[in-house]
Amino acid sequence: MSAYLVVDVDDLLQRFDKRGIIVDLQELAVGLRGGAALAAGLPSADQLRAIAVANWDTPHVQSLGAGVDARRVFEAAGYETFDISHRESMADALIMHYFSFDPEPIDELILVTTNPDLIPLVRRVQTTRHARIRVWGSEDVLKGTEFADDVIFQPVETLLGIQTKNVAVYIDFENIAISLKEQGFVINLDHLIDRFVQRAKAYGHLVKMAAYAPWGQRGSLPPLVDSAGREIADEAPSRLMLASIDPLFTLPGKNSADVRIARDVMTDASHSDAADVFIIASGDRDFNDVINSLKTRNKTIIVWGVRGSTSRQLENNPSVTVEYIEDFTDLQTHESFGATYIDETGEMPAIFTPSQWSSVIIQFDRLAAKLDTDVIPMQQLIQQLHDVGAVVSLERGEDLVSQAMSLGILKAISASGDLTLNPEHTIVQKTRLIRDRIMLRVYNTLDVRNWEYVNYGFLLKGLAMDYELNCSGCNLNDQWRSDWIDCLVREGILVRELVPHRHNPEDLVPVIKLPTEIENDALPLPPAIPHHEMPDSWEGLSLEELYEIEPETANMAQRVVVSVEQFTSFRNFTWCPL
């Protein structure tokens, strides 16, 4: 029986070091070899070919090995040591030196690693028909790969009896988001969540992760976007929950989240099964008392802050390990993100949904129509955004306008702060198109049919047939159309009311109207709106005349006529069944 154990020493020691796990190197080497022999069903570990791979000559391995000669330790434990200086060629080098000249297929292959560099061995090593392949690591590197179902993964800490630490994370999300924004970073929520989880897992087993912010309060947080640049603040709680992070609500402002986090940390730390590592993501100095209390309980304390926004008291506290979020998240700045978004993609994301950029564009046009100008002072635009509830404070409004300028949606045309919209920007073009087509549909329906309101469902069906909206990312389904109608209602461009149903007065149905001040200051109606008197009857009208009055009805009538003609002429009928 042929059995191999390949240990990625570099990766293994780095993982233990990051998680604060101190191991005896000799016990580790002996334990891995003995455990592998047992798993392979060998009567003796001498029948196992054990290979320890590392860049042995670097001081890095020696320091991780607690100052001992790591190579000698593994050799003394019965390993063949293999030196590799370039990890990207690790699999090729091992194949060449060990597996190419072994004529006997392998019955058992055990890889000790949490790095994908060794995984190509799974495919390239010659194995017997019933061979077993195992991967021992801190994380399942096989998840989502073609080997996930065929290769056995086992946590290396469990196999070695290593006690892992429990980790609890408390994120003052409002503080972190504002600090990142102030340092010029784009807050890519999905990327931030992924990096937070990944970083926390480096310290042990996650038992709790919570994010505190005024979730659901429009404009209370800086813009949160996804990788395509789409604003997703409304989706933030659900996206956090998908990553097993509890979104906990706090009121806007400095002290609300601080008090809640301090209370939760102290409560959790008092339990007998409390976490060993407490991570607090905030730069506020208000947590010094909490940190001192955790220290008396012999807890490991880590603070995640933003460089330039973290309290000096926290940075100078010897009981705390301070890590800067921008160092382990690789977030983009507004300038680099805007350039990547426009130049590389060339167009909008797959679904173009309402966002805080929509508020900026719509309120700019609304204010420009009222003032009869296309140039608006920055402070006046910020005040407008605040007045309509797009932001909760003037400071948030200033943040939003500044980021819109960074993305090229707004352009500064003078040193005094005068702004204008960039009509060539894709977001501006699509937002204006959608707004105008919806307003046109509502106005025409009310004007031509002489109705007081438009039924919500009727409006959705009408927009579904609007070919002007059939551009990339637009008019995809009723949910998309409903989102944009709701957006225009929030922005004050449309009014939504509940009225009794015609046949069931006890039931209320949503309807859409134009605001009474539409002609004064809300927004000018889209240009070239046709207006025709609606005839009492279509009888006697030619198809051309009907096209001028009701183009959609005329189009449908033409399709009916053509269908009837084709049916009757093909079958030589004089009539067509309904």
Protein backbone atom coordinates (compact mmCIF):
# COMPACT_ATOMS: atom_id res chain seq x y z
CA MET A 1 0.00 0.00 0.00
CA SER A 2 1.34 3.42 -1.00
CA ALA A 3 0.47 6.38 1.24
CA TYR A 4 1.73 9.97 1.16
CA LEU A 5 1.50 12.85 3.63
CA VAL A 6 2.38 16.32 2.28
CA VAL A 7 2.56 19.13 4.86
CA ASP A 8 2.54 22.77 3.74
CA VAL A 9 4.62 24.01 6.68
CA ASP A 10 4.60 27.68 5.64
CA ASP A 11 0.82 27.82 5.46
CA LEU A 12 0.25 25.73 8.58
CA LEU A 13 2.45 27.83 10.86
CA GLN A 14 1.14 31.11 9.46
CA ARG A 15 -2.45 30.05 10.16
CA PHE A 16 -1.65 29.10 13.73
CA ASP A 17 0.24 32.35 14.28
CA LYS A 18 -2.62 34.53 12.98
CA ARG A 19 -5.09 32.76 15.24
CA GLY A 20 -2.87 33.07 18.29
CA ILE A 21 -2.41 29.30 18.58
CA ILE A 22 0.90 28.29 20.11
CA VAL A 23 2.00 24.75 19.26
CA ASP A 24 5.05 22.68 20.01
CA LEU A 25 6.64 22.13 16.59
CA GLN A 26 7.90 18.65 17.44
CA GLU A 27 4.51 17.56 18.77
CA LEU A 28 2.91 18.99 15.62
CA ALA A 29 5.22 17.06 13.28
CA VAL A 30 4.87 13.79 15.19
CA GLY A 31 1.11 14.20 15.59
CA LEU A 32 0.51 14.83 11.89
CA ARG A 33 2.60 11.82 10.85
CA GLY A 34 1.01 9.50 13.40
CA GLY A 35 -2.50 10.70 12.58
CA ALA A 36 -1.90 10.23 8.86
CA ALA A 37 -0.65 6.67 9.37
CA LEU A 38 -3.72 5.90 11.46
CA ALA A 39 -6.08 7.44 8.87
CA ALA A 40 -4.42 5.42 6.10
CA GLY A 41 -4.76 2.20 8.11
CA LEU A 42 -1.03 1.55 8.20
CA PRO A 43 0.38 -0.64 10.99
CA SER A 44 3.39 1.67 11.33
CA ALA A 45 4.15 5.32 10.53
CA ASP A 46 7.37 4.10 8.87
CA GLN A 47 5.27 2.82 5.95
CA LEU A 48 4.03 6.38 5.31
CA ARG A 49 6.05 8.67 3.07
CA ALA A 50 5.87 12.07 4.80
CA ILE A 51 7.03 15.24 3.02
CA ALA A 52 7.35 18.65 4.70
CA VAL A 53 7.34 21.55 2.21
CA ALA A 54 8.49 25.09 3.04
CA ASN A 55 10.84 27.88 2.12
CA TRP A 56 13.18 26.73 4.87
CA ASP A 57 15.91 29.31 4.43
CA THR A 58 13.75 32.35 5.18
CA PRO A 59 13.77 33.84 8.69
CA HIS A 60 9.98 33.77 8.49
CA VAL A 61 9.75 30.01 9.00
CA GLN A 62 12.29 30.10 11.79
CA SER A 63 10.41 32.81 13.68
CA LEU A 64 7.13 30.95 13.31
CA GLY A 65 8.88 27.89 14.62
CA ALA A 66 9.49 29.72 17.93
CA GLY A 67 13.19 30.15 17.22
CA VAL A 68 13.94 26.45 16.64
CA ASP A 69 15.28 24.96 13.43
CA ALA A 70 11.98 23.91 11.89
CA ARG A 71 13.63 21.87 9.16
CA ARG A 72 15.60 19.76 11.64
CA VAL A 73 12.48 19.20 13.73
CA PHE A 74 10.56 17.74 10.80
CA GLU A 75 13.52 15.66 9.63
CA ALA A 76 13.90 14.22 13.14
CA ALA A 77 10.21 13.30 13.09
CA GLY A 78 10.68 11.17 9.97
CA TYR A 79 9.87 13.66 7.21
CA GLU A 80 11.61 14.28 3.94
CA THR A 81 12.00 18.05 3.73
CA PHE A 82 11.54 19.82 0.43
CA ASP A 83 12.59 23.42 -0.15
CA ILE A 84 10.42 25.61 -2.37
CA SER A 85 11.03 29.32 -2.94
CA HIS A 86 8.14 30.01 -5.34
CA ARG A 87 4.78 28.79 -4.11
CA GLU A 88 3.12 29.07 -7.50
CA SER A 89 5.32 26.20 -8.74
CA MET A 90 4.89 24.05 -5.62
CA ALA A 91 2.63 21.41 -7.19
CA ASP A 92 4.83 21.08 -10.30
CA ALA A 93 7.98 20.70 -8.22
CA LEU A 94 6.47 17.99 -6.00
CA ILE A 95 5.17 16.07 -9.02
CA MET A 96 8.61 16.15 -10.60
CA HIS A 97 10.60 15.16 -7.51
CA TYR A 98 8.32 12.57 -5.88
CA PHE A 99 5.40 11.34 -7.94
CA SER A 100 6.77 11.13 -11.50
CA PHE A 101 9.19 8.31 -10.67
CA ASP A 102 6.92 6.27 -8.38
CA PRO A 103 5.45 3.48 -10.56
CA GLU A 104 3.02 2.41 -7.87
CA PRO A 105 -0.36 4.23 -7.80
CA ILE A 106 -1.18 5.90 -4.51
CA ASP A 107 -3.82 4.44 -2.17
CA GLU A 108 -3.87 7.30 0.33
CA LEU A 109 -2.94 10.97 -0.17
CA ILE A 110 -3.18 13.44 2.71
CA LEU A 111 -2.51 17.14 2.11
CA VAL A 112 -2.11 19.41 5.13
CA THR A 113 -2.87 22.92 3.90
CA THR A 114 -5.42 25.74 3.76
CA ASN A 115 -3.95 27.13 0.57
CA PRO A 116 -5.02 26.20 -2.97
CA ASP A 117 -1.39 25.91 -4.14
CA LEU A 118 -1.26 22.20 -3.25
CA ILE A 119 -4.71 21.24 -4.55
CA PRO A 120 -3.57 20.51 -8.16
CA LEU A 121 -1.93 17.37 -6.74
CA VAL A 122 -5.42 15.90 -6.32
CA ARG A 123 -5.90 15.78 -10.08
CA ARG A 124 -2.36 15.08 -11.21
CA VAL A 125 -1.16 12.33 -8.87
CA GLN A 126 -1.79 8.79 -10.12
CA THR A 127 -4.08 6.98 -7.67
CA THR A 128 -5.71 3.57 -7.44
CA ARG A 129 -9.38 3.09 -8.24
CA HIS A 130 -10.41 3.10 -4.57
CA ALA A 131 -7.86 5.64 -3.35
CA ARG A 132 -8.77 8.10 -0.60
CA ILE A 133 -7.64 11.70 -0.71
CA ARG A 134 -7.88 13.93 2.36
CA VAL A 135 -7.22 17.59 3.02
CA TRP A 136 -6.48 18.70 6.57
CA GLY A 137 -6.68 22.44 7.09
CA SER A 138 -8.04 25.34 9.11
CA GLU A 139 -10.61 26.16 6.41
CA ASP A 140 -12.20 24.07 3.70
CA VAL A 141 -10.29 25.20 0.62
CA LEU A 142 -12.19 22.61 -1.47
CA LYS A 143 -15.58 24.28 -1.06
CA GLY A 144 -16.98 25.33 -4.41
CA THR A 145 -14.38 23.37 -6.40
CA GLU A 146 -14.70 20.23 -8.52
CA PHE A 147 -13.11 18.23 -5.68
CA ALA A 148 -15.62 19.18 -2.98
CA ASP A 149 -17.55 15.88 -3.19
CA ASP A 150 -14.65 13.50 -3.80
CA VAL A 151 -12.00 14.73 -1.35
CA ILE A 152 -12.43 14.38 2.41
CA PHE A 153 -11.87 17.60 4.38
CA GLN A 154 -11.09 17.52 8.11
CA PRO A 155 -10.17 20.43 10.44
CA VAL A 156 -6.53 20.01 11.36
CA GLU A 157 -7.07 21.51 14.84
CA THR A 158 -9.60 18.80 15.68
CA LEU A 159 -7.30 16.04 14.48
CA LEU A 160 -4.42 17.34 16.57
CA GLY A 161 -6.55 18.11 19.62
CA ILE A 162 -5.68 21.81 19.41
CA GLN A 163 -8.07 24.01 21.35
CA THR A 164 -9.23 26.81 19.03
CA LYS A 165 -10.32 30.17 20.37
CA ASN A 166 -13.85 31.51 20.13
CA VAL A 167 -14.20 34.95 18.56
CA ALA A 168 -16.90 37.61 19.01
CA VAL A 169 -17.05 40.68 16.75
CA TYR A 170 -18.92 43.94 17.44
CA ILE A 171 -19.00 46.42 14.54
CA ASP A 172 -19.94 50.06 15.05
CA PHE A 173 -20.95 50.17 11.40
CA GLU A 174 -22.06 53.80 11.39
CA ASN A 175 -18.70 54.90 12.82
CA ILE A 176 -16.70 52.71 10.45
CA ALA A 177 -18.71 53.74 7.37
CA ILE A 178 -18.37 57.45 8.13
CA SER A 179 -14.64 57.09 8.88
CA LEU A 180 -14.01 55.22 5.62
CA LYS A 181 -15.99 57.84 3.71
CA GLU A 182 -13.99 60.65 5.30
CA GLN A 183 -10.78 58.95 4.18
CA GLY A 184 -12.08 58.83 0.60
CA PHE A 185 -12.99 55.14 0.36
CA VAL A 186 -15.95 53.67 -1.52
CA ILE A 187 -17.94 51.49 0.89
CA ASN A 188 -18.38 48.30 -1.10
CA LEU A 189 -20.62 46.43 1.33
CA ASP A 190 -20.18 42.91 -0.05
CA HIS A 191 -16.41 43.30 -0.17
CA LEU A 192 -16.35 44.74 3.35
CA ILE A 193 -18.49 41.91 4.75
CA ASP A 194 -16.29 39.27 3.11
CA ARG A 195 -13.08 40.79 4.46
CA PHE A 196 -14.51 41.25 7.96
CA VAL A 197 -15.58 37.61 8.15
CA GLN A 198 -12.32 36.37 6.67
CA ARG A 199 -10.23 38.44 9.07
CA ALA A 200 -12.25 37.40 12.13
CA LYS A 201 -11.95 33.70 11.25
CA ALA A 202 -8.18 34.07 11.24
CA TYR A 203 -8.38 34.35 15.05
CA GLY A 204 -10.53 31.30 15.67
CA HIS A 205 -14.10 30.07 15.59
CA LEU A 206 -16.71 32.81 15.11
CA VAL A 207 -19.41 32.59 17.77
CA LYS A 208 -20.93 36.05 17.31
CA MET A 209 -20.78 38.85 14.79
CA ALA A 210 -23.03 41.92 15.03
CA ALA A 211 -23.18 45.23 13.15
CA TYR A 212 -24.76 48.27 14.82
CA ALA A 213 -26.25 51.12 12.75
CA PRO A 214 -29.50 53.02 12.08
CA TRP A 215 -30.54 50.44 9.50
CA GLY A 216 -33.50 51.40 7.36
CA GLN A 217 -33.28 55.13 8.00
CA ARG A 218 -32.85 56.75 4.62
CA GLY A 219 -29.73 58.85 4.31
CA SER A 220 -28.39 58.01 7.78
CA LEU A 221 -25.36 56.17 6.39
CA PRO A 222 -22.92 57.09 3.63
CA PRO A 223 -23.72 55.39 0.30
CA LEU A 224 -23.22 51.63 0.40
CA VAL A 225 -22.60 50.07 -3.00
CA ASP A 226 -21.95 46.67 -4.54
CA SER A 227 -19.10 45.84 -6.89
CA ALA A 228 -21.06 47.18 -9.87
CA GLY A 229 -21.56 50.57 -8.22
CA ARG A 230 -25.24 50.00 -7.45
CA GLU A 231 -26.42 51.68 -4.22
CA ILE A 232 -27.68 48.94 -1.87
CA ALA A 233 -28.29 50.65 1.48
CA ASP A 234 -31.82 49.20 1.67
CA GLU A 235 -30.43 45.69 1.19
CA ALA A 236 -27.69 46.02 3.81
CA PRO A 237 -29.47 44.19 6.68
CA SER A 238 -30.39 41.20 4.50
CA ARG A 239 -26.87 40.98 3.05
CA LEU A 240 -25.40 41.05 6.55
CA MET A 241 -27.73 38.28 7.69
CA LEU A 242 -26.72 36.12 4.72
CA ALA A 243 -23.15 36.37 6.05
CA SER A 244 -24.34 35.40 9.58
CA ILE A 245 -23.86 38.96 10.87
CA ASP A 246 -26.67 40.31 13.05
CA PRO A 247 -27.80 43.80 11.90
CA LEU A 248 -28.76 45.52 15.17
CA PHE A 249 -30.61 48.83 15.02
CA THR A 250 -29.34 51.92 16.83
CA LEU A 251 -30.39 55.54 16.57
CA PRO A 252 -28.26 57.86 14.41
CA GLY A 253 -25.54 59.71 16.27
CA LYS A 254 -22.33 59.11 18.12
CA ASN A 255 -23.39 57.64 21.47
CA SER A 256 -26.23 55.28 20.56
CA ALA A 257 -24.09 52.49 19.06
CA ASP A 258 -21.30 52.99 21.63
CA VAL A 259 -23.63 52.42 24.57
CA ARG A 260 -25.28 49.40 22.95
CA ILE A 261 -21.97 47.77 22.03
CA ALA A 262 -20.48 48.40 25.48
CA ARG A 263 -23.52 46.84 27.13
CA ASP A 264 -23.51 43.80 24.83
CA VAL A 265 -19.77 43.21 25.24
CA MET A 266 -19.95 43.34 29.03
CA THR A 267 -22.98 41.04 29.08
CA ASP A 268 -21.41 38.49 26.75
CA ALA A 269 -18.06 38.57 28.56
CA SER A 270 -19.72 37.71 31.87
CA HIS A 271 -20.96 34.32 30.65
CA SER A 272 -19.05 31.16 31.48
CA ASP A 273 -18.82 30.25 27.79
CA ALA A 274 -17.70 33.72 26.71
CA ALA A 275 -15.49 34.21 23.69
CA ASP A 276 -11.72 34.22 24.08
CA VAL A 277 -11.13 36.96 21.50
CA PHE A 278 -13.20 40.16 21.41
CA ILE A 279 -12.97 42.31 18.28
CA ILE A 280 -14.47 45.82 18.40
CA ALA A 281 -14.66 47.65 15.09
CA SER A 282 -14.73 51.31 16.05
CA GLY A 283 -12.33 54.19 16.51
CA ASP A 284 -14.12 55.80 19.47
CA ARG A 285 -12.26 56.29 22.73
CA ASP A 286 -15.48 55.53 24.64
CA PHE A 287 -14.53 51.83 24.70
CA ASN A 288 -11.52 52.23 26.98
CA ASP A 289 -13.50 51.16 30.07
CA VAL A 290 -14.84 48.12 28.24
CA ILE A 291 -11.35 47.18 27.09
CA ASN A 292 -9.94 47.47 30.60
CA SER A 293 -12.71 45.23 31.92
CA LEU A 294 -12.03 42.61 29.24
CA LYS A 295 -8.35 42.68 30.11
CA THR A 296 -9.10 41.78 33.73
CA ARG A 297 -10.91 38.71 32.39
CA ASN A 298 -7.79 37.68 30.41
CA LYS A 299 -9.48 38.20 27.06
CA THR A 300 -7.64 38.99 23.85
CA ILE A 301 -8.79 42.40 22.61
CA ILE A 302 -8.50 43.58 19.02
CA VAL A 303 -9.71 46.92 17.69
CA TRP A 304 -10.45 47.47 14.02
CA GLY A 305 -10.18 51.14 13.17
CA VAL A 306 -9.64 53.47 10.24
CA ARG A 307 -6.32 55.24 9.99
CA GLY A 308 -6.76 58.93 10.82
CA SER A 309 -10.09 58.31 12.56
CA THR A 310 -9.02 56.08 15.45
CA SER A 311 -8.66 57.47 18.96
CA ARG A 312 -5.08 57.99 20.12
CA GLN A 313 -6.06 56.49 23.46
CA LEU A 314 -6.96 53.24 21.72
CA GLU A 315 -3.86 53.25 19.55
CA ASN A 316 -1.63 53.78 22.61
CA ASN A 317 -3.39 51.25 24.84
CA PRO A 318 -0.90 48.40 25.44
CA SER A 319 -3.72 45.95 26.13
CA VAL A 320 -5.09 46.30 22.61
CA THR A 321 -4.01 45.11 19.20
CA VAL A 322 -5.07 47.76 16.68
CA GLU A 323 -5.63 46.71 13.07
CA TYR A 324 -6.54 49.18 10.36
CA ILE A 325 -9.47 48.20 8.19
CA GLU A 326 -8.04 49.67 5.00
CA ASP A 327 -5.02 47.36 5.38
CA PHE A 328 -6.99 44.11 5.18
CA THR A 329 -9.98 45.12 3.04
CA ASP A 330 -8.33 46.66 -0.06
CA LEU A 331 -11.21 49.10 -0.52
CA GLN A 332 -11.07 51.44 -3.51
CA THR A 333 -11.11 55.20 -3.33
CA HIS A 334 -13.87 57.16 -5.05
CA GLU A 335 -11.55 58.24 -7.84
CA SER A 336 -10.27 54.74 -8.65
CA PHE A 337 -13.72 53.18 -8.26
CA GLY A 338 -15.35 55.73 -10.54
CA ALA A 339 -12.70 55.23 -13.23
CA THR A 340 -13.00 51.44 -13.03
CA TYR A 341 -16.77 51.56 -13.07
CA ILE A 342 -17.03 53.77 -16.15
CA ASP A 343 -14.02 52.74 -18.20
CA GLU A 344 -13.95 48.97 -17.69
CA THR A 345 -17.63 48.09 -17.68
CA GLY A 346 -18.68 50.68 -20.24
CA GLU A 347 -22.29 50.45 -19.15
CA MET A 348 -24.54 50.11 -16.15
CA PRO A 349 -24.91 46.92 -14.08
CA ALA A 350 -27.39 44.21 -15.11
CA ILE A 351 -30.27 45.79 -13.16
CA PHE A 352 -30.46 49.58 -12.98
CA THR A 353 -32.41 50.22 -9.77
CA PRO A 354 -33.08 53.43 -7.80
CA SER A 355 -30.24 54.60 -5.57
CA GLN A 356 -29.04 57.65 -3.68
CA TRP A 357 -27.58 58.85 -6.97
CA SER A 358 -31.16 58.89 -8.27
CA SER A 359 -32.08 61.29 -5.47
CA VAL A 360 -29.21 63.61 -6.38
CA ILE A 361 -30.19 63.68 -10.06
CA ILE A 362 -33.94 64.04 -9.54
CA GLN A 363 -33.65 66.71 -6.86
CA PHE A 364 -31.08 68.63 -8.90
CA ASP A 365 -33.46 68.71 -11.88
CA ARG A 366 -36.36 69.59 -9.62
CA LEU A 367 -34.46 72.52 -8.12
CA ALA A 368 -33.12 73.57 -11.53
CA ALA A 369 -36.67 73.70 -12.92
CA LYS A 370 -37.83 75.83 -10.02
CA LEU A 371 -34.91 78.27 -10.41
CA ASP A 372 -34.95 78.11 -14.22
CA THR A 373 -31.22 77.35 -14.41
CA ASP A 374 -28.93 74.37 -14.95
CA VAL A 375 -26.33 75.61 -12.44
CA ILE A 376 -27.04 75.29 -8.72
CA PRO A 377 -24.93 76.21 -5.66
CA MET A 378 -23.80 73.15 -3.73
CA GLN A 379 -25.34 74.28 -0.44
CA GLN A 380 -28.71 74.79 -2.11
CA LEU A 381 -28.67 71.26 -3.51
CA ILE A 382 -27.67 69.86 -0.11
CA GLN A 383 -30.55 71.73 1.52
CA GLN A 384 -32.95 70.37 -1.10
CA LEU A 385 -31.82 66.79 -0.43
CA HIS A 386 -32.33 67.35 3.29
CA ASP A 387 -35.76 68.95 2.84
CA VAL A 388 -37.14 65.98 0.88
CA GLY A 389 -35.68 63.44 3.33
CA ALA A 390 -33.04 62.02 1.00
CA VAL A 391 -30.47 62.55 3.79
CA VAL A 392 -30.96 62.83 7.55
CA SER A 393 -28.62 65.77 8.02
CA LEU A 394 -26.83 68.48 6.07
CA GLU A 395 -23.53 66.72 6.81
CA ARG A 396 -24.80 63.53 5.14
CA GLY A 397 -26.01 65.64 2.23
CA GLU A 398 -22.54 67.10 1.81
CA ASP A 399 -21.08 63.57 1.83
CA LEU A 400 -23.53 62.41 -0.83
CA VAL A 401 -22.90 65.39 -3.11
CA SER A 402 -19.12 65.01 -2.73
CA GLN A 403 -19.28 61.35 -3.72
CA ALA A 404 -21.53 62.16 -6.68
CA MET A 405 -18.85 64.59 -7.81
CA SER A 406 -16.17 61.91 -7.39
CA LEU A 407 -18.15 59.54 -9.62
CA GLY A 408 -18.63 62.24 -12.24
CA ILE A 409 -22.41 62.54 -11.81
CA LEU A 410 -22.04 66.17 -10.75
CA LYS A 411 -19.48 68.63 -12.10
CA ALA A 412 -18.12 71.69 -10.33
CA ILE A 413 -18.05 74.67 -12.69
CA SER A 414 -16.72 77.34 -10.36
CA ALA A 415 -14.57 77.71 -7.27
CA SER A 416 -17.56 79.10 -5.38
CA GLY A 417 -19.25 75.69 -5.34
CA ASP A 418 -21.63 75.94 -8.29
CA LEU A 419 -22.61 72.54 -9.69
CA THR A 420 -24.21 71.12 -12.79
CA LEU A 421 -25.25 67.61 -13.78
CA ASN A 422 -23.09 65.70 -16.23
CA PRO A 423 -25.57 64.87 -19.03
CA GLU A 424 -23.13 62.38 -20.58
CA HIS A 425 -22.95 60.20 -17.47
CA THR A 426 -24.78 56.88 -17.90
CA ILE A 427 -26.47 57.10 -14.50
CA VAL A 428 -27.78 60.59 -15.31
CA GLN A 429 -29.04 59.56 -18.74
CA LYS A 430 -30.88 56.47 -17.53
CA THR A 431 -32.36 58.14 -14.46
CA ARG A 432 -33.74 60.98 -16.55
CA LEU A 433 -35.11 58.59 -19.16
CA ILE A 434 -36.93 56.46 -16.59
CA ARG A 435 -38.30 59.48 -14.73
CA ASP A 436 -39.56 61.13 -17.91
CA ARG A 437 -41.19 57.98 -19.33
CA ILE A 438 -43.05 57.26 -16.09
CA MET A 439 -44.22 60.87 -15.77
CA LEU A 440 -45.27 60.92 -19.42
CA ARG A 441 -47.29 57.74 -18.95
CA VAL A 442 -49.08 59.13 -15.89
CA TYR A 443 -49.75 62.53 -17.47
CA ASN A 444 -51.06 61.12 -20.76
CA THR A 445 -53.35 58.68 -18.99
CA LEU A 446 -54.83 61.36 -16.74
CA ASP A 447 -55.12 63.93 -19.54
CA VAL A 448 -56.46 61.79 -22.39
CA ARG A 449 -58.80 59.63 -20.34
CA ASN A 450 -59.81 62.49 -18.03
CA TRP A 451 -59.18 60.34 -14.95
CA GLU A 452 -58.45 61.59 -11.44
CA TYR A 453 -55.78 58.98 -10.89
CA VAL A 454 -54.02 56.03 -12.50
CA ASN A 455 -54.49 52.57 -11.07
CA TYR A 456 -51.16 51.16 -9.90
CA GLY A 457 -51.57 47.89 -11.82
CA PHE A 458 -52.70 49.77 -14.94
CA LEU A 459 -49.56 51.91 -14.78
CA LEU A 460 -47.33 48.85 -14.42
CA LYS A 461 -48.87 47.24 -17.51
CA GLY A 462 -48.52 50.44 -19.50
CA LEU A 463 -44.85 50.82 -18.60
CA ALA A 464 -44.23 47.18 -19.54
CA MET A 465 -45.20 48.08 -23.12
CA ASP A 466 -43.04 51.23 -23.24
CA TYR A 467 -40.36 50.37 -25.79
CA GLU A 468 -38.38 53.49 -24.91
CA LEU A 469 -37.48 51.80 -21.62
CA ASN A 470 -36.12 48.66 -23.27
CA CYS A 471 -32.46 49.50 -22.68
CA SER A 472 -29.79 47.65 -20.72
CA GLY A 473 -30.80 46.97 -17.13
CA CYS A 474 -34.26 48.57 -17.48
CA ASN A 475 -37.91 47.48 -17.60
CA LEU A 476 -37.07 43.91 -16.66
CA ASN A 477 -40.17 43.05 -14.61
CA ASP A 478 -42.99 44.49 -12.49
CA GLN A 479 -40.70 44.64 -9.45
CA TRP A 480 -38.29 46.91 -11.34
CA ARG A 481 -41.14 49.16 -12.50
CA SER A 482 -42.62 49.23 -8.99
CA ASP A 483 -39.26 50.21 -7.47
CA TRP A 484 -38.97 53.20 -9.80
CA ILE A 485 -42.55 54.32 -9.23
CA ASP A 486 -41.92 54.17 -5.48
CA CYS A 487 -38.69 56.13 -5.99
CA LEU A 488 -40.54 58.95 -7.76
CA VAL A 489 -43.13 58.97 -4.97
CA ARG A 490 -40.35 59.35 -2.36
CA GLU A 491 -38.78 62.15 -4.37
CA GLY A 492 -42.08 64.06 -4.54
CA ILE A 493 -42.48 63.66 -8.31
CA LEU A 494 -45.55 61.44 -8.00
CA VAL A 495 -48.21 61.01 -5.32
CA ARG A 496 -49.50 57.63 -4.18
CA GLU A 497 -52.86 57.30 -2.43
CA LEU A 498 -55.19 54.51 -1.34
CA VAL A 499 -58.75 54.68 -2.69
CA PRO A 500 -61.75 52.32 -2.33
CA HIS A 501 -62.01 49.61 -4.97
CA ARG A 502 -64.81 50.19 -7.48
CA HIS A 503 -66.50 46.85 -6.83
CA ASN A 504 -65.40 46.28 -3.22
CA PRO A 505 -65.38 49.67 -1.46
CA GLU A 506 -64.08 48.10 1.74
CA ASP A 507 -60.83 47.22 -0.04
CA LEU A 508 -58.30 49.97 -0.65
CA VAL A 509 -56.15 49.93 -3.77
CA PRO A 510 -53.04 52.04 -4.53
CA VAL A 511 -53.33 54.73 -7.19
CA ILE A 512 -50.89 57.26 -8.61
CA LYS A 513 -51.43 60.99 -9.16
CA LEU A 514 -49.35 63.98 -10.15
CA PRO A 515 -48.68 66.42 -7.29
CA THR A 516 -50.74 69.62 -7.35
CA GLU A 517 -47.57 71.72 -7.47
CA ILE A 518 -46.20 69.93 -10.54
CA GLU A 519 -46.57 73.05 -12.66
CA ASN A 520 -44.94 75.28 -10.06
CA ASP A 521 -41.79 73.77 -8.66
CA ALA A 522 -41.78 69.97 -8.69
CA LEU A 523 -40.43 69.35 -12.19
CA PRO A 524 -41.35 70.35 -15.72
CA LEU A 525 -43.21 67.69 -17.62
CA PRO A 526 -41.20 65.93 -20.31
CA PRO A 527 -41.19 67.80 -23.61
CA ALA A 528 -43.30 66.99 -26.65
CA ILE A 529 -46.26 65.51 -24.82
CA PRO A 530 -48.95 64.88 -27.42
CA HIS A 531 -52.42 66.04 -26.54
CA HIS A 532 -55.53 65.00 -28.46
CA GLU A 533 -59.16 65.07 -27.62
CA MET A 534 -60.43 61.57 -27.02
CA PRO A 535 -63.30 60.77 -29.46
CA ASP A 536 -66.48 59.23 -28.12
CA SER A 537 -66.09 56.35 -30.57
CA TRP A 538 -63.42 54.87 -32.84
CA GLU A 539 -66.05 54.09 -35.47
CA GLY A 540 -65.12 55.54 -38.84
CA LEU A 541 -61.51 56.28 -37.88
CA SER A 542 -58.77 55.10 -40.18
CA LEU A 543 -55.88 53.16 -38.73
CA GLU A 544 -53.60 56.16 -39.41
CA GLU A 545 -55.93 58.47 -37.47
CA LEU A 546 -56.12 56.00 -34.60
CA TYR A 547 -52.30 55.87 -34.49
CA GLU A 548 -52.23 59.62 -33.87
CA ILE A 549 -54.64 59.35 -30.94
CA GLU A 550 -53.93 55.95 -29.38
CA PRO A 551 -50.77 54.44 -30.89
CA GLU A 552 -50.82 51.36 -28.65
CA THR A 553 -54.49 50.69 -29.37
CA ALA A 554 -53.87 51.16 -33.09
CA ASN A 555 -50.96 48.74 -32.95
CA MET A 556 -53.09 46.13 -31.21
CA ALA A 557 -55.95 46.67 -33.69
CA GLN A 558 -53.59 46.17 -36.60
CA ARG A 559 -52.30 42.91 -35.11
CA VAL A 560 -55.88 41.67 -34.64
CA VAL A 561 -56.82 42.54 -38.23
CA VAL A 562 -53.72 40.84 -39.63
CA SER A 563 -54.32 37.71 -37.53
CA VAL A 564 -57.96 37.45 -38.65
CA GLU A 565 -57.01 37.99 -42.28
CA GLN A 566 -54.31 35.33 -42.17
CA PHE A 567 -56.60 32.82 -40.46
CA THR A 568 -59.53 33.27 -42.88
CA SER A 569 -57.50 33.45 -46.08
CA PHE A 570 -55.41 30.38 -45.27
CA ARG A 571 -58.47 28.24 -44.44
CA ASN A 572 -60.82 29.92 -46.94
CA PHE A 573 -63.14 30.87 -44.06
CA THR A 574 -65.43 33.88 -43.97
CA TRP A 575 -65.16 34.17 -40.18
CA CYS A 576 -62.64 33.60 -37.41
CA PRO A 577 -63.47 31.98 -34.03
CA LEU A 578 -62.92 34.28 -31.06
